PDB file of N, CA and C in Angstrom:
ATOM      1  N   MET A   1     -15.072   1.950 -15.801  1.00  0.00           N
ATOM      2  CA  MET A   1     -14.794   2.402 -14.448  1.00  0.00           C
ATOM      3  C   MET A   1     -13.572   1.662 -13.901  1.00  0.00           C
ATOM      4  N   SER A   2     -12.662   2.364 -13.281  1.00  0.00           N
ATOM      5  CA  SER A   2     -11.428   1.797 -12.747  1.00  0.00           C
ATOM      6  C   SER A   2     -11.678   1.060 -11.447  1.00  0.00           C
ATOM      7  N   SER A   3     -10.903   0.018 -11.238  1.00  0.00           N
ATOM      8  CA  SER A   3     -10.895  -0.642  -9.931  1.00  0.00           C
ATOM      9  C   SER A   3     -10.097   0.217  -8.976  1.00  0.00           C
ATOM     10  N   TRP A   4     -10.411   0.120  -7.731  1.00  0.00           N
ATOM     11  CA  TRP A   4      -9.622   0.773  -6.686  1.00  0.00           C
ATOM     12  C   TRP A   4      -8.825  -0.293  -5.970  1.00  0.00           C
ATOM     13  N   TYR A   5      -7.679   0.095  -5.456  1.00  0.00           N
ATOM     14  CA  TYR A   5      -6.800  -0.839  -4.770  1.00  0.00           C
ATOM     15  C   TYR A   5      -6.442  -0.320  -3.390  1.00  0.00           C
ATOM     16  N   LEU A   6      -6.373  -1.244  -2.475  1.00  0.00           N
ATOM     17  CA  LEU A   6      -5.773  -1.022  -1.168  1.00  0.00           C
ATOM     18  C   LEU A   6      -4.343  -1.519  -1.313  1.00  0.00           C
ATOM     19  N   TYR A   7      -3.381  -0.757  -0.828  1.00  0.00           N
ATOM     20  CA  TYR A   7      -1.988  -1.175  -0.977  1.00  0.00           C
ATOM     21  C   TYR A   7      -1.187  -0.854   0.278  1.00  0.00           C
ATOM     22  N   MET A   8      -0.070  -1.566   0.422  1.00  0.00           N
ATOM     23  CA  MET A   8       0.895  -1.268   1.471  1.00  0.00           C
ATOM     24  C   MET A   8       2.278  -1.158   0.849  1.00  0.00           C
ATOM     25  N   VAL A   9       2.993  -0.154   1.299  1.00  0.00           N
ATOM     26  CA  VAL A   9       4.371   0.094   0.889  1.00  0.00           C
ATOM     27  C   VAL A   9       5.244  -0.082   2.124  1.00  0.00           C
ATOM     28  N   GLN A  10       6.387  -0.716   1.933  1.00  0.00           N
ATOM     29  CA  GLN A  10       7.343  -0.879   3.034  1.00  0.00           C
ATOM     30  C   GLN A  10       8.584  -0.039   2.739  1.00  0.00           C
ATOM     31  N   THR A  11       9.050   0.678   3.757  1.00  0.00           N
ATOM     32  CA  THR A  11      10.252   1.508   3.618  1.00  0.00           C
ATOM     33  C   THR A  11      11.498   0.664   3.861  1.00  0.00           C
ATOM     34  N   ALA A  12      12.639   1.253   3.618  1.00  0.00           N
ATOM     35  CA  ALA A  12      13.915   0.564   3.844  1.00  0.00           C
ATOM     36  C   ALA A  12      14.076   0.148   5.305  1.00  0.00           C
ATOM     37  N   SER A  13      13.516   0.934   6.221  1.00  0.00           N
ATOM     38  CA  SER A  13      13.629   0.617   7.647  1.00  0.00           C
ATOM     39  C   SER A  13      12.536  -0.334   8.134  1.00  0.00           C
ATOM     40  N   GLY A  14      11.611  -0.717   7.236  1.00  0.00           N
ATOM     41  CA  GLY A  14      10.565  -1.664   7.606  1.00  0.00           C
ATOM     42  C   GLY A  14       9.227  -1.039   7.961  1.00  0.00           C
ATOM     43  N   MET A  15       9.130   0.299   7.951  1.00  0.00           N
ATOM     44  CA  MET A  15       7.856   0.950   8.234  1.00  0.00           C
ATOM     45  C   MET A  15       6.849   0.606   7.143  1.00  0.00           C
ATOM     46  N   LEU A  16       5.594   0.414   7.534  1.00  0.00           N
ATOM     47  CA  LEU A  16       4.535   0.118   6.576  1.00  0.00           C
ATOM     48  C   LEU A  16       3.640   1.337   6.397  1.00  0.00           C
ATOM     49  N   TYR A  17       3.326   1.648   5.157  1.00  0.00           N
ATOM     50  CA  TYR A  17       2.435   2.756   4.811  1.00  0.00           C
ATOM     51  C   TYR A  17       1.269   2.167   4.037  1.00  0.00           C
ATOM     52  N   THR A  18       0.052   2.519   4.412  1.00  0.00           N
ATOM     53  CA  THR A  18      -1.157   1.990   3.783  1.00  0.00           C
ATOM     54  C   THR A  18      -1.886   3.105   3.056  1.00  0.00           C
ATOM     55  N   GLY A  19      -2.398   2.800   1.866  1.00  0.00           N
ATOM     56  CA  GLY A  19      -3.159   3.786   1.112  1.00  0.00           C
ATOM     57  C   GLY A  19      -4.082   3.126   0.118  1.00  0.00           C
ATOM     58  N   ILE A  20      -4.837   3.964  -0.624  1.00  0.00           N
ATOM     59  CA  ILE A  20      -5.707   3.475  -1.686  1.00  0.00           C
ATOM     60  C   ILE A  20      -5.390   4.253  -2.960  1.00  0.00           C
ATOM     61  N   SER A  21      -5.611   3.616  -4.094  1.00  0.00           N
ATOM     62  CA  SER A  21      -5.316   4.240  -5.380  1.00  0.00           C
ATOM     63  C   SER A  21      -5.963   3.430  -6.493  1.00  0.00           C
ATOM     64  N   THR A  22      -6.124   4.059  -7.646  1.00  0.00           N
ATOM     65  CA  THR A  22      -6.565   3.317  -8.832  1.00  0.00           C
ATOM     66  C   THR A  22      -5.382   2.672  -9.538  1.00  0.00           C
ATOM     67  N   ASP A  23      -4.167   3.074  -9.155  1.00  0.00           N
ATOM     68  CA  ASP A  23      -2.949   2.559  -9.795  1.00  0.00           C
ATOM     69  C   ASP A  23      -1.814   2.493  -8.764  1.00  0.00           C
ATOM     70  N   PRO A  24      -1.714   1.383  -8.028  1.00  0.00           N
ATOM     71  CA  PRO A  24      -0.694   1.281  -6.972  1.00  0.00           C
ATOM     72  C   PRO A  24       0.745   1.437  -7.470  1.00  0.00           C
ATOM     73  N   LYS A  25       1.052   0.978  -8.676  1.00  0.00           N
ATOM     74  CA  LYS A  25       2.419   1.095  -9.184  1.00  0.00           C
ATOM     75  C   LYS A  25       2.769   2.553  -9.456  1.00  0.00           C
ATOM     76  N   ARG A  26       1.829   3.323 -10.003  1.00  0.00           N
ATOM     77  CA  ARG A  26       2.049   4.754 -10.198  1.00  0.00           C
ATOM     78  C   ARG A  26       2.202   5.440  -8.851  1.00  0.00           C
ATOM     79  N   ARG A  27       1.385   5.036  -7.896  1.00  0.00           N
ATOM     80  CA  ARG A  27       1.430   5.626  -6.561  1.00  0.00           C
ATOM     81  C   ARG A  27       2.790   5.369  -5.905  1.00  0.00           C
ATOM     82  N   LEU A  28       3.326   4.155  -6.096  1.00  0.00           N
ATOM     83  CA  LEU A  28       4.649   3.830  -5.569  1.00  0.00           C
ATOM     84  C   LEU A  28       5.697   4.750  -6.192  1.00  0.00           C
ATOM     85  N   ARG A  29       5.589   4.995  -7.495  1.00  0.00           N
ATOM     86  CA  ARG A  29       6.533   5.903  -8.162  1.00  0.00           C
ATOM     87  C   ARG A  29       6.411   7.310  -7.589  1.00  0.00           C
ATOM     88  N   GLN A  30       5.190   7.728  -7.266  1.00  0.00           N
ATOM     89  CA  GLN A  30       5.009   9.039  -6.642  1.00  0.00           C
ATOM     90  C   GLN A  30       5.658   9.064  -5.262  1.00  0.00           C
ATOM     91  N   HIS A  31       5.382   8.054  -4.473  1.00  0.00           N
ATOM     92  CA  HIS A  31       5.954   7.990  -3.130  1.00  0.00           C
ATOM     93  C   HIS A  31       7.482   7.943  -3.175  1.00  0.00           C
ATOM     94  N   SER A  32       8.030   7.288  -4.194  1.00  0.00           N
ATOM     95  CA  SER A  32       9.478   7.162  -4.331  1.00  0.00           C
ATOM     96  C   SER A  32      10.134   8.442  -4.837  1.00  0.00           C
ATOM     97  N   GLY A  33       9.324   9.410  -5.258  1.00  0.00           N
ATOM     98  CA  GLY A  33       9.854  10.673  -5.737  1.00  0.00           C
ATOM     99  C   GLY A  33      10.161  10.699  -7.218  1.00  0.00           C
ATOM    100  N   GLU A  34       9.835   9.622  -7.933  1.00  0.00           N
ATOM    101  CA  GLU A  34      10.080   9.586  -9.378  1.00  0.00           C
ATOM    102  C   GLU A  34       9.160  10.555 -10.111  1.00  0.00           C
ATOM    103  N   ILE A  35       7.932  10.696  -9.623  1.00  0.00           N
ATOM    104  CA  ILE A  35       6.982  11.672 -10.148  1.00  0.00           C
ATOM    105  C   ILE A  35       6.359  12.384  -8.954  1.00  0.00           C
ATOM    106  N   THR A  36       5.806  13.549  -9.170  1.00  0.00           N
ATOM    107  CA  THR A  36       5.296  14.356  -8.059  1.00  0.00           C
ATOM    108  C   THR A  36       4.018  13.770  -7.474  1.00  0.00           C
ATOM    109  N   GLY A  37       3.786  14.073  -6.198  1.00  0.00           N
ATOM    110  CA  GLY A  37       2.523  13.706  -5.564  1.00  0.00           C
ATOM    111  C   GLY A  37       2.608  12.652  -4.493  1.00  0.00           C
ATOM    112  N   GLY A  38       3.777  12.301  -4.029  1.00  0.00           N
ATOM    113  CA  GLY A  38       3.904  11.274  -3.002  1.00  0.00           C
ATOM    114  C   GLY A  38       3.603  11.796  -1.607  1.00  0.00           C
ATOM    115  N   ALA A  39       3.372  10.883  -0.681  1.00  0.00           N
ATOM    116  CA  ALA A  39       3.080  11.236   0.704  1.00  0.00           C
ATOM    117  C   ALA A  39       4.316  11.795   1.397  1.00  0.00           C
ATOM    118  N   LYS A  40       4.133  12.855   2.158  1.00  0.00           N
ATOM    119  CA  LYS A  40       5.248  13.466   2.887  1.00  0.00           C
ATOM    120  C   LYS A  40       5.853  12.492   3.892  1.00  0.00           C
ATOM    121  N   ALA A  41       5.032  11.617   4.446  1.00  0.00           N
ATOM    122  CA  ALA A  41       5.501  10.656   5.448  1.00  0.00           C
ATOM    123  C   ALA A  41       6.561   9.705   4.895  1.00  0.00           C
ATOM    124  N   LEU A  42       6.614   9.557   3.569  1.00  0.00           N
ATOM    125  CA  LEU A  42       7.555   8.608   2.964  1.00  0.00           C
ATOM    126  C   LEU A  42       8.796   9.270   2.366  1.00  0.00           C
ATOM    127  N   ARG A  43       8.862  10.579   2.383  1.00  0.00           N
ATOM    128  CA  ARG A  43      10.022  11.269   1.811  1.00  0.00           C
ATOM    129  C   ARG A  43      11.297  10.904   2.561  1.00  0.00           C
ATOM    130  N   GLY A  44      12.309  10.519   1.799  1.00  0.00           N
ATOM    131  CA  GLY A  44      13.596  10.177   2.384  1.00  0.00           C
ATOM    132  C   GLY A  44      13.629   8.834   3.082  1.00  0.00           C
ATOM    133  N   LYS A  45      12.607   8.024   2.897  1.00  0.00           N
ATOM    134  CA  LYS A  45      12.528   6.738   3.575  1.00  0.00           C
ATOM    135  C   LYS A  45      12.820   5.563   2.640  1.00  0.00           C
ATOM    136  N   GLY A  46      13.228   5.839   1.408  1.00  0.00           N
ATOM    137  CA  GLY A  46      13.409   4.810   0.394  1.00  0.00           C
ATOM    138  C   GLY A  46      14.656   3.987   0.605  1.00  0.00           C
ATOM    139  N   PRO A  47      14.815   2.953  -0.185  1.00  0.00           N
ATOM    140  CA  PRO A  47      13.903   2.571  -1.262  1.00  0.00           C
ATOM    141  C   PRO A  47      12.601   1.990  -0.713  1.00  0.00           C
ATOM    142  N   LEU A  48      11.546   2.182  -1.493  1.00  0.00           N
ATOM    143  CA  LEU A  48      10.219   1.717  -1.103  1.00  0.00           C
ATOM    144  C   LEU A  48       9.849   0.492  -1.919  1.00  0.00           C
ATOM    145  N   THR A  49       9.083  -0.395  -1.296  1.00  0.00           N
ATOM    146  CA  THR A  49       8.653  -1.616  -1.958  1.00  0.00           C
ATOM    147  C   THR A  49       7.148  -1.774  -1.801  1.00  0.00           C
ATOM    148  N   LEU A  50       6.463  -2.045  -2.907  1.00  0.00           N
ATOM    149  CA  LEU A  50       5.036  -2.350  -2.858  1.00  0.00           C
ATOM    150  C   LEU A  50       4.911  -3.790  -2.390  1.00  0.00           C
ATOM    151  N   VAL A  51       4.407  -4.001  -1.175  1.00  0.00           N
ATOM    152  CA  VAL A  51       4.392  -5.345  -0.587  1.00  0.00           C
ATOM    153  C   VAL A  51       3.011  -5.985  -0.559  1.00  0.00           C
ATOM    154  N   TYR A  52       1.966  -5.203  -0.852  1.00  0.00           N
ATOM    155  CA  TYR A  52       0.601  -5.738  -0.806  1.00  0.00           C
ATOM    156  C   TYR A  52      -0.308  -4.874  -1.652  1.00  0.00           C
ATOM    157  N   GLN A  53      -1.209  -5.522  -2.380  1.00  0.00           N
ATOM    158  CA  GLN A  53      -2.279  -4.796  -3.049  1.00  0.00           C
ATOM    159  C   GLN A  53      -3.494  -5.692  -3.174  1.00  0.00           C
ATOM    160  N   GLN A  54      -4.658  -5.088  -3.065  1.00  0.00           N
ATOM    161  CA  GLN A  54      -5.920  -5.818  -3.132  1.00  0.00           C
ATOM    162  C   GLN A  54      -6.893  -4.985  -3.945  1.00  0.00           C
ATOM    163  N   SER A  55      -7.466  -5.576  -4.977  1.00  0.00           N
ATOM    164  CA  SER A  55      -8.438  -4.891  -5.817  1.00  0.00           C
ATOM    165  C   SER A  55      -9.796  -4.880  -5.116  1.00  0.00           C
ATOM    166  N   LEU A  56     -10.447  -3.722  -5.171  1.00  0.00           N
ATOM    167  CA  LEU A  56     -11.777  -3.579  -4.577  1.00  0.00           C
ATOM    168  C   LEU A  56     -12.715  -2.939  -5.595  1.00  0.00           C
ATOM    169  N   ALA A  57     -14.004  -3.065  -5.353  1.00  0.00           N
ATOM    170  CA  ALA A  57     -15.011  -2.660  -6.334  1.00  0.00           C
ATOM    171  C   ALA A  57     -15.034  -1.163  -6.609  1.00  0.00           C
ATOM    172  N   ASP A  58     -14.893  -0.365  -5.563  1.00  0.00           N
ATOM    173  CA  ASP A  58     -15.013   1.081  -5.745  1.00  0.00           C
ATOM    174  C   ASP A  58     -14.256   1.811  -4.639  1.00  0.00           C
ATOM    175  N   LYS A  59     -14.237   3.134  -4.733  1.00  0.00           N
ATOM    176  CA  LYS A  59     -13.484   3.946  -3.785  1.00  0.00           C
ATOM    177  C   LYS A  59     -14.000   3.786  -2.363  1.00  0.00           C
ATOM    178  N   SER A  60     -15.302   3.684  -2.215  1.00  0.00           N
ATOM    179  CA  SER A  60     -15.885   3.526  -0.883  1.00  0.00           C
ATOM    180  C   SER A  60     -15.416   2.231  -0.225  1.00  0.00           C
ATOM    181  N   ALA A  61     -15.443   1.139  -0.976  1.00  0.00           N
ATOM    182  CA  ALA A  61     -14.989  -0.151  -0.445  1.00  0.00           C
ATOM    183  C   ALA A  61     -13.501  -0.097  -0.109  1.00  0.00           C
ATOM    184  N   ALA A  62     -12.727   0.577  -0.956  1.00  0.00           N
ATOM    185  CA  ALA A  62     -11.291   0.694  -0.715  1.00  0.00           C
ATOM    186  C   ALA A  62     -11.020   1.504   0.556  1.00  0.00           C
ATOM    187  N   ALA A  63     -11.760   2.588   0.745  1.00  0.00           N
ATOM    188  CA  ALA A  63     -11.570   3.426   1.937  1.00  0.00           C
ATOM    189  C   ALA A  63     -11.942   2.668   3.205  1.00  0.00           C
ATOM    190  N   LYS A  64     -13.000   1.886   3.151  1.00  0.00           N
ATOM    191  CA  LYS A  64     -13.402   1.079   4.319  1.00  0.00           C
ATOM    192  C   LYS A  64     -12.340   0.022   4.626  1.00  0.00           C
ATOM    193  N   ALA A  65     -11.831  -0.623   3.581  1.00  0.00           N
ATOM    194  CA  ALA A  65     -10.788  -1.639   3.770  1.00  0.00           C
ATOM    195  C   ALA A  65      -9.510  -1.003   4.307  1.00  0.00           C
ATOM    196  N   GLU A  66      -9.195   0.208   3.847  1.00  0.00           N
ATOM    197  CA  GLU A  66      -8.010   0.921   4.343  1.00  0.00           C
ATOM    198  C   GLU A  66      -8.144   1.188   5.837  1.00  0.00           C
ATOM    199  N   TYR A  67      -9.305   1.640   6.248  1.00  0.00           N
ATOM    200  CA  TYR A  67      -9.533   1.913   7.675  1.00  0.00           C
ATOM    201  C   TYR A  67      -9.358   0.632   8.486  1.00  0.00           C
ATOM    202  N   GLN A  68      -9.951  -0.468   8.014  1.00  0.00           N
ATOM    203  CA  GLN A  68      -9.850  -1.742   8.733  1.00  0.00           C
ATOM    204  C   GLN A  68      -8.409  -2.221   8.811  1.00  0.00           C
ATOM    205  N   LEU A  69      -7.665  -2.087   7.715  1.00  0.00           N
ATOM    206  CA  LEU A  69      -6.266  -2.517   7.704  1.00  0.00           C
ATOM    207  C   LEU A  69      -5.427  -1.679   8.664  1.00  0.00           C
ATOM    208  N   LYS A  70      -5.697  -0.399   8.720  1.00  0.00           N
ATOM    209  CA  LYS A  70      -4.942   0.480   9.610  1.00  0.00           C
ATOM    210  C   LYS A  70      -5.206   0.174  11.079  1.00  0.00           C
ATOM    211  N   GLN A  71      -6.303  -0.507  11.385  1.00  0.00           N
ATOM    212  CA  GLN A  71      -6.616  -0.882  12.760  1.00  0.00           C
ATOM    213  C   GLN A  71      -5.859  -2.128  13.211  1.00  0.00           C
ATOM    214  N   LEU A  72      -5.298  -2.885  12.251  1.00  0.00           N
ATOM    215  CA  LEU A  72      -4.584  -4.121  12.583  1.00  0.00           C
ATOM    216  C   LEU A  72      -3.231  -3.815  13.222  1.00  0.00           C
ATOM    217  N   SER A  73      -2.754  -4.764  14.001  1.00  0.00           N
ATOM    218  CA  SER A  73      -1.417  -4.651  14.577  1.00  0.00           C
ATOM    219  C   SER A  73      -0.374  -4.853  13.475  1.00  0.00           C
ATOM    220  N   ARG A  74       0.830  -4.441  13.758  1.00  0.00           N
ATOM    221  CA  ARG A  74       1.918  -4.623  12.789  1.00  0.00           C
ATOM    222  C   ARG A  74       2.102  -6.105  12.464  1.00  0.00           C
ATOM    223  N   SER A  75       2.036  -6.964  13.477  1.00  0.00           N
ATOM    224  CA  SER A  75       2.236  -8.398  13.224  1.00  0.00           C
ATOM    225  C   SER A  75       1.131  -8.963  12.332  1.00  0.00           C
ATOM    226  N   ALA A  76      -0.095  -8.495  12.497  1.00  0.00           N
ATOM    227  CA  ALA A  76      -1.198  -8.944  11.639  1.00  0.00           C
ATOM    228  C   ALA A  76      -0.987  -8.465  10.200  1.00  0.00           C
ATOM    229  N   LYS A  77      -0.481  -7.252  10.044  1.00  0.00           N
ATOM    230  CA  LYS A  77      -0.184  -6.731   8.701  1.00  0.00           C
ATOM    231  C   LYS A  77       0.921  -7.554   8.047  1.00  0.00           C
ATOM    232  N   LEU A  78       1.955  -7.899   8.804  1.00  0.00           N
ATOM    233  CA  LEU A  78       3.052  -8.699   8.257  1.00  0.00           C
ATOM    234  C   LEU A  78       2.572 -10.091   7.861  1.00  0.00           C
ATOM    235  N   THR A  79       1.657 -10.651   8.635  1.00  0.00           N
ATOM    236  CA  THR A  79       1.070 -11.946   8.283  1.00  0.00           C
ATOM    237  C   THR A  79       0.295 -11.834   6.979  1.00  0.00           C
ATOM    238  N   LEU A  80      -0.476 -10.777   6.824  1.00  0.00           N
ATOM    239  CA  LEU A  80      -1.234 -10.536   5.596  1.00  0.00           C
ATOM    240  C   LEU A  80      -0.287 -10.408   4.401  1.00  0.00           C
ATOM    241  N   ILE A  81       0.802  -9.692   4.572  1.00  0.00           N
ATOM    242  CA  ILE A  81       1.791  -9.527   3.503  1.00  0.00           C
ATOM    243  C   ILE A  81       2.407 -10.873   3.128  1.00  0.00           C
ATOM    244  N   THR A  82       2.750 -11.681   4.134  1.00  0.00           N
ATOM    245  CA  THR A  82       3.328 -13.003   3.882  1.00  0.00           C
ATOM    246  C   THR A  82       2.354 -13.876   3.099  1.00  0.00           C
ATOM    247  N   GLN A  83       1.086 -13.878   3.512  1.00  0.00           N
ATOM    248  CA  GLN A  83       0.067 -14.676   2.814  1.00  0.00           C
ATOM    249  C   GLN A  83      -0.112 -14.187   1.381  1.00  0.00           C
ATOM    250  N   TYR A  84      -0.093 -12.879   1.186  1.00  0.00           N
ATOM    251  CA  TYR A  84      -0.227 -12.302  -0.145  1.00  0.00           C
ATOM    252  C   TYR A  84       0.937 -12.741  -1.040  1.00  0.00           C
ATOM    253  N   ASN A  85       2.158 -12.649  -0.517  1.00  0.00           N
ATOM    254  CA  ASN A  85       3.336 -13.023  -1.295  1.00  0.00           C
ATOM    255  C   ASN A  85       3.361 -14.499  -1.633  1.00  0.00           C
ATOM    256  N   GLN A  86       2.860 -15.345  -0.729  1.00  0.00           N
ATOM    257  CA  GLN A  86       2.801 -16.777  -0.997  1.00  0.00           C
ATOM    258  C   GLN A  86       1.776 -17.076  -2.089  1.00  0.00           C
ATOM    259  N   SER A  87       0.668 -16.336  -2.105  1.00  0.00           N
ATOM    260  CA  SER A  87      -0.358 -16.566  -3.120  1.00  0.00           C
ATOM    261  C   SER A  87       0.067 -16.052  -4.502  1.00  0.00           C
ATOM    262  N   GLU A  88       0.970 -15.055  -4.519  1.00  0.00           N
ATOM    263  CA  GLU A  88       1.469 -14.485  -5.772  1.00  0.00           C
ATOM    264  C   GLU A  88       2.565 -15.344  -6.392  1.00  0.00           C
ATOM    265  N   ALA A  89       3.214 -16.174  -5.562  1.00  0.00           N
ATOM    266  CA  ALA A  89       4.345 -16.981  -6.045  1.00  0.00           C
ATOM    267  C   ALA A  89       3.904 -18.159  -6.896  1.00  0.00           C
TER     268      ALA A  89
END
């Protein structure tokens, strides 16, 4: 069984897009237009950068986490991204 991921993509202008997927890197390629299936909200907004991802147990947990993340303010999301990047370094 695949893990599900919560992810955030940042556009060239700094907009943040949140989603869930079993493969965030493939999803980024879709959003970037390299392969079909990206979100319409991100078309023409590139280059896109995967700035956050979190592995979750299943689709239900990922969807709940996505909802909670979308409720956060932009500054709280940026803090989360900063903490994530520091832990990855």
